[in-house]
Amino acid sequence: MLLNGFDEKELRRRAREALKAGVIPRDRPRGLWGGNGAGDRCPVCGHAIDPSEMELEVEFAIAEVSLQGVREFHLHLPCFAAWEFARSGVD
């Protein structure tokens, strides 16, 4: 499947790079919700998620005591799958 011109192999490569650069955590999310895109940029492919597209909102707890709270990311469905493979070490 192509997303914004990227095939699955390229999305997985981008997901590995996003993890390596610390753009998105490797941790298991504490929450996950789906819905229509909100226009936010996907941390894997870098493209905005259009309201006509489905997105997954992934929420993480912030571990640092001084920064307690949550971080959330919005991902395209194929980008979420690529991130799951990358964080699990599946290539």
Protein backbone atom coordinates (compact mmCIF):
# COMPACT_ATOMS: atom_id res chain seq x y z
CA MET A 1 0.00 0.00 0.00
CA LEU A 2 1.24 3.48 -0.83
CA LEU A 3 0.81 6.38 1.56
CA ASN A 4 1.89 9.81 0.38
CA GLY A 5 4.09 8.06 -2.20
CA PHE A 6 5.77 5.78 0.38
CA ASP A 7 5.56 2.00 0.23
CA GLU A 8 5.63 -0.24 3.31
CA LYS A 9 9.41 -0.70 3.17
CA GLU A 10 9.98 3.06 3.13
CA LEU A 11 7.50 3.63 5.98
CA ARG A 12 9.33 1.05 8.09
CA ARG A 13 12.64 2.77 7.33
CA ARG A 14 11.16 6.12 8.32
CA ALA A 15 9.72 4.61 11.51
CA ARG A 16 13.16 3.25 12.49
CA GLU A 17 14.67 6.68 11.85
CA ALA A 18 11.97 8.40 13.94
CA LEU A 19 12.71 6.03 16.82
CA LYS A 20 16.46 6.49 16.47
CA ALA A 21 16.10 10.29 16.45
CA GLY A 22 13.77 10.23 19.47
CA VAL A 23 10.92 11.76 17.50
CA ILE A 24 8.50 9.15 18.88
CA PRO A 25 9.04 6.83 21.86
CA ARG A 26 9.79 3.12 21.63
CA ASP A 27 7.66 2.50 24.74
CA ARG A 28 4.30 0.80 24.73
CA PRO A 29 1.60 3.50 24.59
CA ARG A 30 -0.65 4.02 27.60
CA GLY A 31 -3.60 4.94 25.39
CA LEU A 32 -4.70 4.54 21.79
CA TRP A 33 -7.68 6.08 20.02
CA GLY A 34 -8.83 6.17 16.42
CA GLY A 35 -10.79 8.70 14.43
CA ASN A 36 -10.68 11.18 11.58
CA GLY A 37 -7.47 13.08 11.01
CA ALA A 38 -7.06 16.34 12.88
CA GLY A 39 -4.51 17.89 10.53
CA ASP A 40 -1.52 17.08 12.78
CA ARG A 41 1.76 15.91 11.28
CA CYS A 42 2.52 12.21 11.45
CA PRO A 43 5.89 11.63 13.18
CA VAL A 44 6.68 8.72 10.85
CA CYS A 45 6.05 10.09 7.35
CA GLY A 46 5.99 13.81 8.19
CA HIS A 47 2.75 14.52 6.33
CA ALA A 48 -0.36 16.09 7.85
CA ILE A 49 -3.27 13.73 8.46
CA ASP A 50 -6.23 15.05 6.51
CA PRO A 51 -9.73 14.93 8.08
CA SER A 52 -10.75 12.55 5.28
CA GLU A 53 -8.12 10.05 6.50
CA MET A 54 -8.22 7.81 9.57
CA GLU A 55 -5.63 8.40 12.26
CA LEU A 56 -4.53 6.78 15.49
CA GLU A 57 -3.77 9.02 18.45
CA VAL A 58 -1.09 7.38 20.56
CA GLU A 59 -0.56 8.61 24.12
CA PHE A 60 2.51 8.11 26.31
CA ALA A 61 3.11 8.93 29.97
CA ILE A 62 6.03 11.26 30.57
CA ALA A 63 8.41 9.58 32.99
CA GLU A 64 10.46 12.58 34.13
CA VAL A 65 9.21 13.86 37.49
CA SER A 66 9.64 17.49 36.46
CA LEU A 67 7.65 16.93 33.25
CA GLN A 68 4.79 14.77 34.52
CA GLY A 69 1.94 14.48 32.09
CA VAL A 70 1.34 12.91 28.71
CA ARG A 71 2.68 13.18 25.17
CA GLU A 72 0.48 12.33 22.25
CA PHE A 73 1.18 11.62 18.61
CA HIS A 74 -1.15 11.31 15.63
CA LEU A 75 -0.24 8.67 13.04
CA HIS A 76 -1.66 7.40 9.77
CA LEU A 77 -2.75 3.77 10.11
CA PRO A 78 0.07 2.42 7.85
CA CYS A 79 2.58 4.61 9.74
CA PHE A 80 1.35 3.23 13.06
CA ALA A 81 1.87 -0.32 11.74
CA ALA A 82 5.39 0.58 10.57
CA TRP A 83 6.16 2.11 13.99
CA GLU A 84 4.88 -1.04 15.75
CA PHE A 85 7.16 -3.21 13.63
CA ALA A 86 10.11 -0.88 14.19
CA ARG A 87 9.67 -0.62 17.96
CA SER A 88 9.29 -4.41 18.20
CA GLY A 89 12.52 -4.96 16.27
CA VAL A 90 10.77 -6.65 13.34
CA ASP A 91 12.21 -5.63 10.02
